[in-house]
Amino acid sequence: MPRHVTIPAPEGFPLFGWTEEKVKEYIIEKPLDVGEVMTILSTHGGITHYRLARVEAVNVGKQRRVVLSRAGSSGGTAFHRSGKNCFMPTGQSRMLPPLAELPELNLEQDVILDALYGVPGRPRAPGKE
């Protein structure tokens, strides 16, 4: 079971510039392969939590979904190529490429940011601007 570390929120969190279009471009241009690592961002309960997961399958079904080895705090392990979770596309779990901004993040250690959404002076959750 991975452990976690809490760190101060780096500039650019939570998405670090990754839009749905950029995530889809990354997946198509790379292209992804089984065994590669992707990041799962969860913003459930106002807590920003990142975890790494291995790609278990690519181009699944008509929508060419990506299946990861782990799920976020909501939804399942299948993600659209845009990064949205297939089971909760408007939910609080997203798939992102590996993040250079979080060097502490690895397969054995998740990262929780010391930043809450909804607190005055703090950023709001993605899509809630």
Protein backbone atom coordinates (compact mmCIF):
# COMPACT_ATOMS: atom_id res chain seq x y z
CA MET A 1 0.00 0.00 0.00
CA PRO A 2 1.53 3.33 -1.01
CA ARG A 3 2.26 5.85 1.68
CA HIS A 4 1.84 9.58 1.23
CA VAL A 5 3.69 12.80 1.93
CA THR A 6 2.16 16.25 2.41
CA ILE A 7 3.98 19.13 0.71
CA PRO A 8 3.30 22.84 0.11
CA ALA A 9 1.33 23.51 -3.06
CA PRO A 10 3.70 24.22 -5.98
CA GLU A 11 2.88 27.07 -8.36
CA GLY A 12 0.43 26.05 -11.06
CA PHE A 13 -1.43 23.40 -9.09
CA PRO A 14 -3.71 21.50 -9.46
CA LEU A 15 -3.49 20.95 -13.23
CA PHE A 16 -0.05 22.50 -13.91
CA GLY A 17 -1.28 23.76 -17.29
CA TRP A 18 -2.75 20.45 -18.48
CA THR A 19 -6.07 21.03 -20.25
CA GLU A 20 -8.29 18.27 -21.65
CA GLU A 21 -6.98 19.07 -25.13
CA LYS A 22 -3.33 18.92 -24.05
CA VAL A 23 -3.83 15.58 -22.25
CA LYS A 24 -5.48 14.11 -25.35
CA GLU A 25 -2.64 15.42 -27.56
CA TYR A 26 -0.05 13.90 -25.20
CA ILE A 27 -1.76 10.49 -25.30
CA ILE A 28 -2.17 10.49 -29.10
CA GLU A 29 1.27 11.86 -29.99
CA LYS A 30 3.28 9.79 -27.51
CA PRO A 31 1.45 7.21 -27.96
CA LEU A 32 0.81 5.54 -24.60
CA ASP A 33 1.84 1.94 -24.07
CA VAL A 34 1.00 -0.67 -21.42
CA GLY A 35 3.27 -0.31 -18.39
CA GLU A 36 3.84 3.43 -18.71
CA VAL A 37 3.01 5.69 -15.79
CA MET A 38 0.30 8.37 -15.61
CA THR A 39 -0.80 10.64 -12.76
CA ILE A 40 -4.23 10.59 -11.12
CA LEU A 41 -5.36 13.90 -9.62
CA SER A 42 -8.13 13.72 -7.01
CA THR A 43 -9.71 16.81 -5.50
CA HIS A 44 -12.30 15.03 -3.37
CA GLY A 45 -13.25 16.76 -0.11
CA GLY A 46 -11.21 19.84 -0.99
CA ILE A 47 -7.95 17.90 -0.66
CA THR A 48 -5.54 17.81 -3.61
CA HIS A 49 -4.16 14.27 -3.87
CA TYR A 50 -1.87 12.91 -6.60
CA ARG A 51 -0.98 9.27 -7.22
CA LEU A 52 0.83 7.42 -9.96
CA ALA A 53 -0.67 4.44 -11.76
CA ARG A 54 0.54 2.16 -14.52
CA VAL A 55 -1.28 1.97 -17.84
CA GLU A 56 -2.93 -1.47 -18.07
CA ALA A 57 -4.69 -1.02 -21.42
CA VAL A 58 -4.97 1.60 -24.17
CA ASN A 59 -7.54 2.21 -26.91
CA VAL A 60 -10.25 0.23 -25.10
CA GLY A 61 -13.65 0.26 -26.79
CA LYS A 62 -15.07 2.67 -29.35
CA GLN A 63 -14.00 5.66 -27.26
CA ARG A 64 -10.41 4.36 -27.06
CA ARG A 65 -10.22 4.64 -23.28
CA VAL A 66 -7.12 4.30 -21.10
CA VAL A 67 -7.30 1.84 -18.18
CA LEU A 68 -4.97 2.41 -15.22
CA SER A 69 -3.87 0.15 -12.37
CA ARG A 70 -5.40 2.42 -9.71
CA ALA A 71 -8.47 4.62 -9.35
CA GLY A 72 -8.80 8.13 -8.00
CA SER A 73 -10.91 9.11 -5.00
CA SER A 74 -14.04 8.85 -7.17
CA GLY A 75 -14.86 6.90 -10.30
CA GLY A 76 -13.02 3.87 -11.59
CA THR A 77 -9.79 2.99 -13.35
CA ALA A 78 -10.95 3.83 -16.90
CA PHE A 79 -10.30 7.31 -18.30
CA HIS A 80 -11.19 9.08 -21.53
CA ARG A 81 -8.19 10.31 -23.51
CA SER A 82 -9.09 13.83 -22.36
CA GLY A 83 -8.24 12.75 -18.81
CA LYS A 84 -11.84 12.64 -17.56
CA ASN A 85 -12.88 9.58 -15.58
CA CYS A 86 -15.25 7.36 -17.58
CA PHE A 87 -17.52 6.53 -14.64
CA MET A 88 -17.62 10.06 -13.18
CA PRO A 89 -16.70 12.47 -16.03
CA THR A 90 -17.83 15.50 -14.03
CA GLY A 91 -16.29 14.13 -10.84
CA GLN A 92 -13.13 14.96 -8.99
CA SER A 93 -10.64 12.48 -10.48
CA ARG A 94 -8.57 13.21 -13.58
CA MET A 95 -5.75 11.49 -15.42
CA LEU A 96 -2.70 13.62 -16.23
CA PRO A 97 0.72 12.85 -17.69
CA PRO A 98 3.63 12.49 -15.24
CA LEU A 99 4.25 15.80 -13.45
CA ALA A 100 7.78 17.18 -13.21
CA GLU A 101 6.42 19.69 -10.67
CA LEU A 102 5.99 16.88 -8.11
CA PRO A 103 9.36 15.10 -7.81
CA GLU A 104 8.20 13.52 -4.52
CA LEU A 105 5.53 11.52 -6.37
CA ASN A 106 6.39 7.91 -7.20
CA LEU A 107 4.67 4.53 -7.37
CA GLU A 108 5.34 3.90 -3.67
CA GLN A 109 4.39 7.37 -2.43
CA ASP A 110 1.36 9.56 -3.13
CA VAL A 111 1.46 13.34 -2.66
CA ILE A 112 -1.13 15.42 -0.81
CA LEU A 113 -0.81 19.18 -1.20
CA ASP A 114 -1.05 21.49 1.78
CA ALA A 115 -3.84 23.49 0.10
CA LEU A 116 -7.62 23.29 0.40
CA TYR A 117 -10.20 24.47 -2.10
CA GLY A 118 -12.93 26.82 -0.95
CA VAL A 119 -10.76 28.54 1.67
CA PRO A 120 -10.50 32.33 1.15
CA GLY A 121 -7.32 33.12 -0.74
CA ARG A 122 -6.92 29.53 -1.94
CA PRO A 123 -7.59 28.25 -5.48
CA ARG A 124 -10.93 26.71 -6.42
CA ALA A 125 -11.37 23.19 -7.78
CA PRO A 126 -10.86 22.66 -11.55
CA GLY A 127 -13.93 23.77 -13.50
CA LYS A 128 -15.30 25.82 -10.57
CA GLU A 129 -13.72 29.17 -11.52
